[in-house]
Amino acid sequence: MDAFEIADIITQHREDGRPYHEFFRTETLSLGLYVIPAGEKDPQSPHTEEEVYYVLEGVGMIRVDDEDRPVSVGSTIFVGIGVEHRFHSITQDLKLLVFWAPPWRSGATAS
């Protein structure tokens, strides 16, 4: 069994010092914590994997394709492969649990 405590993941993320911290990976799925501080820009570009965001903390907006939607604790957002998306108008630091299928960057071509 693999089990995780969000407090431990947040601590590991803080120690890692990067916006995204992957904490679990299998051949078909990966999980990570993505943190975007209030007022910051989300630099994402479309991915080669499907993803689901679950908002653990914070308040802001997300734009997926041409649709904007407010997000806050408990919001869950699905983003398909190759779809433009970005968090914006972040008024409270966003802490996002991210589920990737297949695993993050596994579909990207090597450069």
N, C-alpha and C. Protein backbone atom coordinates (compact mmCIF):
# COMPACT_ATOMS: atom_id res chain seq x y z
N MET A 1 0.85 -1.18 0.00
CA MET A 1 0.00 0.00 0.00
C MET A 1 0.89 1.24 0.00
N ASP A 2 0.47 2.22 -0.79
CA ASP A 2 1.09 3.54 -0.75
C ASP A 2 0.07 4.48 -0.15
N ALA A 3 0.47 5.18 0.89
CA ALA A 3 -0.42 6.14 1.56
C ALA A 3 0.38 7.39 1.87
N PHE A 4 -0.29 8.52 1.83
CA PHE A 4 0.40 9.80 1.99
C PHE A 4 -0.39 10.71 2.92
N GLU A 5 0.33 11.54 3.65
CA GLU A 5 -0.27 12.58 4.48
C GLU A 5 0.04 13.91 3.84
N ILE A 6 -0.98 14.73 3.62
CA ILE A 6 -0.79 15.99 2.91
C ILE A 6 0.19 16.90 3.64
N ALA A 7 0.20 16.87 4.97
CA ALA A 7 1.16 17.70 5.71
C ALA A 7 2.59 17.32 5.36
N ASP A 8 2.86 16.03 5.21
CA ASP A 8 4.20 15.58 4.83
C ASP A 8 4.54 16.01 3.41
N ILE A 9 3.57 15.92 2.52
CA ILE A 9 3.79 16.32 1.13
C ILE A 9 4.09 17.82 1.05
N ILE A 10 3.36 18.62 1.81
CA ILE A 10 3.60 20.07 1.82
C ILE A 10 5.00 20.37 2.33
N THR A 11 5.43 19.67 3.37
CA THR A 11 6.78 19.86 3.90
C THR A 11 7.83 19.49 2.84
N GLN A 12 7.65 18.35 2.17
CA GLN A 12 8.58 17.93 1.11
C GLN A 12 8.61 18.95 -0.02
N HIS A 13 7.44 19.48 -0.38
CA HIS A 13 7.36 20.49 -1.43
C HIS A 13 8.17 21.73 -1.04
N ARG A 14 7.99 22.18 0.18
CA ARG A 14 8.70 23.36 0.68
C ARG A 14 10.22 23.12 0.62
N GLU A 15 10.66 21.92 1.03
CA GLU A 15 12.09 21.59 1.01
C GLU A 15 12.62 21.50 -0.41
N ASP A 16 11.79 21.05 -1.34
CA ASP A 16 12.18 20.93 -2.74
C ASP A 16 12.43 22.30 -3.37
N GLY A 17 11.65 23.30 -2.98
CA GLY A 17 11.87 24.66 -3.44
C GLY A 17 11.40 24.97 -4.85
N ARG A 18 10.63 24.09 -5.47
CA ARG A 18 10.11 24.33 -6.82
C ARG A 18 8.58 24.39 -6.76
N PRO A 19 7.95 25.01 -7.76
CA PRO A 19 6.49 25.10 -7.74
C PRO A 19 5.78 23.75 -7.77
N TYR A 20 6.36 22.77 -8.49
CA TYR A 20 5.73 21.45 -8.61
C TYR A 20 6.61 20.39 -7.95
N HIS A 21 5.98 19.55 -7.14
CA HIS A 21 6.68 18.46 -6.46
C HIS A 21 5.93 17.16 -6.70
N GLU A 22 6.55 16.27 -7.46
CA GLU A 22 5.95 14.95 -7.69
C GLU A 22 6.27 14.06 -6.49
N PHE A 23 5.23 13.38 -5.96
CA PHE A 23 5.47 12.52 -4.80
C PHE A 23 5.07 11.07 -5.02
N PHE A 24 4.52 10.75 -6.19
CA PHE A 24 4.15 9.37 -6.48
C PHE A 24 4.12 9.15 -7.98
N ARG A 25 4.61 7.94 -8.42
CA ARG A 25 4.61 7.63 -9.85
C ARG A 25 4.52 6.12 -10.04
N THR A 26 3.64 5.73 -10.97
CA THR A 26 3.59 4.35 -11.45
C THR A 26 3.70 4.43 -12.97
N GLU A 27 3.52 3.31 -13.64
CA GLU A 27 3.58 3.32 -15.10
C GLU A 27 2.41 4.06 -15.73
N THR A 28 1.30 4.18 -15.01
CA THR A 28 0.08 4.76 -15.60
C THR A 28 -0.43 6.03 -14.92
N LEU A 29 0.19 6.45 -13.82
CA LEU A 29 -0.32 7.57 -13.04
C LEU A 29 0.80 8.23 -12.27
N SER A 30 0.72 9.55 -12.11
CA SER A 30 1.62 10.23 -11.16
C SER A 30 0.81 11.28 -10.41
N LEU A 31 1.31 11.63 -9.22
CA LEU A 31 0.66 12.61 -8.35
C LEU A 31 1.69 13.65 -7.93
N GLY A 32 1.22 14.88 -7.81
CA GLY A 32 2.12 15.93 -7.38
C GLY A 32 1.37 17.04 -6.68
N LEU A 33 2.15 17.92 -6.06
CA LEU A 33 1.62 19.11 -5.41
C LEU A 33 2.16 20.31 -6.18
N TYR A 34 1.27 21.17 -6.63
CA TYR A 34 1.63 22.38 -7.38
C TYR A 34 1.16 23.56 -6.56
N VAL A 35 2.08 24.51 -6.28
CA VAL A 35 1.75 25.68 -5.47
C VAL A 35 2.02 26.93 -6.30
N ILE A 36 1.01 27.81 -6.34
CA ILE A 36 1.14 29.09 -7.03
C ILE A 36 0.80 30.19 -6.02
N PRO A 37 1.78 31.04 -5.68
CA PRO A 37 1.51 32.12 -4.73
C PRO A 37 0.52 33.15 -5.27
N ALA A 38 -0.19 33.79 -4.36
CA ALA A 38 -1.13 34.86 -4.74
C ALA A 38 -0.39 35.90 -5.57
N GLY A 39 -1.06 36.36 -6.62
CA GLY A 39 -0.50 37.40 -7.47
C GLY A 39 0.49 36.91 -8.52
N GLU A 40 0.92 35.66 -8.44
CA GLU A 40 1.89 35.11 -9.40
C GLU A 40 1.18 34.64 -10.66
N LYS A 41 1.97 34.50 -11.73
CA LYS A 41 1.45 33.98 -12.99
C LYS A 41 1.74 32.48 -13.07
N ASP A 42 0.83 31.75 -13.65
CA ASP A 42 0.97 30.32 -13.87
C ASP A 42 1.58 30.14 -15.26
N PRO A 43 2.81 29.62 -15.36
CA PRO A 43 3.50 29.55 -16.65
C PRO A 43 3.20 28.30 -17.48
N GLN A 44 2.17 27.56 -17.15
CA GLN A 44 1.90 26.29 -17.83
C GLN A 44 1.63 26.45 -19.32
N SER A 45 1.95 25.38 -20.02
CA SER A 45 1.54 25.22 -21.41
C SER A 45 0.86 23.86 -21.51
N PRO A 46 0.16 23.59 -22.60
CA PRO A 46 -0.55 22.30 -22.70
C PRO A 46 0.38 21.11 -22.48
N HIS A 47 -0.18 20.04 -21.94
CA HIS A 47 0.58 18.84 -21.61
C HIS A 47 0.21 17.68 -22.53
N THR A 48 1.03 16.66 -22.50
CA THR A 48 0.80 15.45 -23.29
C THR A 48 0.13 14.37 -22.45
N GLU A 49 -0.43 14.75 -21.32
CA GLU A 49 -1.13 13.84 -20.41
C GLU A 49 -2.44 14.48 -19.98
N GLU A 50 -3.40 13.66 -19.60
CA GLU A 50 -4.61 14.18 -18.96
C GLU A 50 -4.24 14.52 -17.52
N GLU A 51 -4.96 15.50 -16.97
CA GLU A 51 -4.69 15.83 -15.57
C GLU A 51 -5.96 16.27 -14.87
N VAL A 52 -5.95 16.06 -13.57
CA VAL A 52 -7.02 16.51 -12.69
C VAL A 52 -6.37 17.33 -11.58
N TYR A 53 -6.92 18.51 -11.35
CA TYR A 53 -6.49 19.36 -10.25
C TYR A 53 -7.54 19.30 -9.15
N TYR A 54 -7.07 19.19 -7.91
CA TYR A 54 -7.95 19.28 -6.75
C TYR A 54 -7.39 20.38 -5.86
N VAL A 55 -8.20 21.42 -5.58
CA VAL A 55 -7.73 22.56 -4.81
C VAL A 55 -7.78 22.22 -3.32
N LEU A 56 -6.58 22.19 -2.72
CA LEU A 56 -6.45 21.94 -1.28
C LEU A 56 -6.61 23.23 -0.47
N GLU A 57 -6.04 24.31 -1.01
CA GLU A 57 -6.09 25.62 -0.36
C GLU A 57 -6.08 26.69 -1.43
N GLY A 58 -6.63 27.87 -1.08
CA GLY A 58 -6.49 29.03 -1.94
C GLY A 58 -7.73 29.40 -2.72
N VAL A 59 -7.59 30.55 -3.41
CA VAL A 59 -8.67 31.12 -4.21
C VAL A 59 -8.07 31.73 -5.47
N GLY A 60 -8.73 31.49 -6.58
CA GLY A 60 -8.29 32.07 -7.84
C GLY A 60 -9.25 31.71 -8.95
N MET A 61 -8.74 31.77 -10.15
CA MET A 61 -9.52 31.42 -11.34
C MET A 61 -8.68 30.46 -12.17
N ILE A 62 -9.37 29.66 -12.99
CA ILE A 62 -8.68 28.85 -13.99
C ILE A 62 -9.35 29.10 -15.33
N ARG A 63 -8.51 29.16 -16.34
CA ARG A 63 -9.00 29.25 -17.72
C ARG A 63 -8.62 27.94 -18.40
N VAL A 64 -9.62 27.24 -18.90
CA VAL A 64 -9.42 26.00 -19.65
C VAL A 64 -10.02 26.23 -21.02
N ASP A 65 -9.17 26.17 -22.04
CA ASP A 65 -9.56 26.48 -23.40
C ASP A 65 -10.07 27.91 -23.43
N ASP A 66 -11.35 28.15 -23.62
CA ASP A 66 -11.86 29.53 -23.66
C ASP A 66 -12.85 29.78 -22.53
N GLU A 67 -12.78 28.99 -21.46
CA GLU A 67 -13.72 29.13 -20.35
C GLU A 67 -12.99 29.45 -19.05
N ASP A 68 -13.45 30.49 -18.36
CA ASP A 68 -12.93 30.87 -17.05
C ASP A 68 -13.87 30.38 -15.97
N ARG A 69 -13.28 29.98 -14.84
CA ARG A 69 -14.08 29.47 -13.73
C ARG A 69 -13.36 29.78 -12.42
N PRO A 70 -14.10 30.21 -11.39
CA PRO A 70 -13.47 30.42 -10.08
C PRO A 70 -13.13 29.07 -9.45
N VAL A 71 -12.04 29.06 -8.68
CA VAL A 71 -11.64 27.86 -7.95
C VAL A 71 -11.36 28.23 -6.49
N SER A 72 -11.67 27.29 -5.61
CA SER A 72 -11.39 27.44 -4.19
C SER A 72 -11.32 26.04 -3.60
N VAL A 73 -11.16 25.93 -2.30
CA VAL A 73 -11.01 24.64 -1.64
C VAL A 73 -12.11 23.68 -2.10
N GLY A 74 -11.68 22.51 -2.55
CA GLY A 74 -12.62 21.48 -2.99
C GLY A 74 -12.90 21.48 -4.47
N SER A 75 -12.55 22.54 -5.19
CA SER A 75 -12.77 22.55 -6.64
C SER A 75 -11.94 21.45 -7.29
N THR A 76 -12.54 20.78 -8.27
CA THR A 76 -11.87 19.71 -9.00
C THR A 76 -12.03 20.00 -10.49
N ILE A 77 -10.90 20.02 -11.20
CA ILE A 77 -10.90 20.41 -12.61
C ILE A 77 -10.19 19.35 -13.44
N PHE A 78 -10.83 18.89 -14.51
CA PHE A 78 -10.20 17.97 -15.46
C PHE A 78 -9.71 18.78 -16.66
N VAL A 79 -8.49 18.47 -17.12
CA VAL A 79 -7.93 19.09 -18.32
C VAL A 79 -7.44 17.97 -19.24
N GLY A 80 -7.94 17.97 -20.45
CA GLY A 80 -7.56 16.95 -21.42
C GLY A 80 -6.19 17.19 -22.03
N ILE A 81 -5.70 16.19 -22.73
CA ILE A 81 -4.41 16.27 -23.40
C ILE A 81 -4.40 17.42 -24.40
N GLY A 82 -3.36 18.23 -24.33
CA GLY A 82 -3.15 19.30 -25.30
C GLY A 82 -4.03 20.53 -25.15
N VAL A 83 -4.85 20.60 -24.10
CA VAL A 83 -5.77 21.72 -23.93
C VAL A 83 -5.07 22.86 -23.19
N GLU A 84 -5.19 24.07 -23.74
CA GLU A 84 -4.65 25.27 -23.08
C GLU A 84 -5.35 25.45 -21.74
N HIS A 85 -4.56 25.75 -20.71
CA HIS A 85 -5.13 26.01 -19.39
C HIS A 85 -4.12 26.78 -18.55
N ARG A 86 -4.67 27.55 -17.61
CA ARG A 86 -3.80 28.38 -16.78
C ARG A 86 -4.61 28.91 -15.60
N PHE A 87 -4.01 28.89 -14.42
CA PHE A 87 -4.61 29.54 -13.26
C PHE A 87 -4.26 31.03 -13.32
N HIS A 88 -5.17 31.87 -12.86
CA HIS A 88 -4.92 33.31 -12.88
C HIS A 88 -5.76 33.98 -11.79
N SER A 89 -5.56 35.27 -11.62
CA SER A 89 -6.31 36.07 -10.64
C SER A 89 -6.28 35.38 -9.27
N ILE A 90 -5.10 34.94 -8.87
CA ILE A 90 -4.93 34.20 -7.62
C ILE A 90 -4.86 35.19 -6.46
N THR A 91 -5.85 35.14 -5.58
CA THR A 91 -5.91 36.08 -4.45
C THR A 91 -5.44 35.46 -3.14
N GLN A 92 -5.43 34.13 -3.06
CA GLN A 92 -4.87 33.40 -1.92
C GLN A 92 -4.05 32.26 -2.49
N ASP A 93 -2.84 32.04 -1.96
CA ASP A 93 -1.95 31.00 -2.49
C ASP A 93 -2.73 29.73 -2.81
N LEU A 94 -2.53 29.21 -4.03
CA LEU A 94 -3.18 27.97 -4.43
C LEU A 94 -2.27 26.79 -4.15
N LYS A 95 -2.80 25.79 -3.46
CA LYS A 95 -2.13 24.51 -3.28
C LYS A 95 -3.01 23.49 -3.99
N LEU A 96 -2.44 22.86 -5.02
CA LEU A 96 -3.20 21.99 -5.90
C LEU A 96 -2.62 20.58 -5.90
N LEU A 97 -3.46 19.62 -5.63
CA LEU A 97 -3.09 18.22 -5.79
C LEU A 97 -3.35 17.90 -7.26
N VAL A 98 -2.33 17.34 -7.94
CA VAL A 98 -2.43 17.10 -9.38
C VAL A 98 -2.28 15.60 -9.66
N PHE A 99 -3.24 15.06 -10.41
CA PHE A 99 -3.24 13.67 -10.84
C PHE A 99 -2.96 13.66 -12.34
N TRP A 100 -1.99 12.87 -12.79
CA TRP A 100 -1.61 12.80 -14.19
C TRP A 100 -1.79 11.37 -14.71
N ALA A 101 -2.36 11.25 -15.91
CA ALA A 101 -2.47 9.93 -16.54
C ALA A 101 -2.26 10.09 -18.04
N PRO A 102 -1.27 9.47 -18.62
CA PRO A 102 -0.19 8.75 -17.96
C PRO A 102 0.67 9.71 -17.13
N PRO A 103 1.73 9.25 -16.47
CA PRO A 103 2.52 10.10 -15.60
C PRO A 103 3.04 11.37 -16.28
N TRP A 104 3.22 12.41 -15.46
CA TRP A 104 3.68 13.71 -15.91
C TRP A 104 4.93 13.57 -16.78
N ARG A 105 4.88 14.22 -17.91
CA ARG A 105 5.96 14.28 -18.91
C ARG A 105 6.27 12.95 -19.58
N SER A 106 5.50 11.93 -19.31
CA SER A 106 5.78 10.63 -19.95
C SER A 106 5.43 10.65 -21.43
N GLY A 107 4.55 11.55 -21.84
CA GLY A 107 4.17 11.64 -23.24
C GLY A 107 5.00 12.64 -24.03
N ALA A 108 5.85 13.39 -23.34
CA ALA A 108 6.66 14.40 -24.01
C ALA A 108 7.77 13.75 -24.80
N THR A 109 8.09 14.33 -25.94
CA THR A 109 9.20 13.81 -26.74
C THR A 109 10.51 14.32 -26.16
N ALA A 110 11.52 13.54 -26.22
CA ALA A 110 12.84 13.94 -25.71
C ALA A 110 13.41 15.02 -26.60
N SER A 111 14.10 15.96 -25.97
CA SER A 111 14.72 17.03 -26.76
C SER A 111 16.20 17.09 -26.54
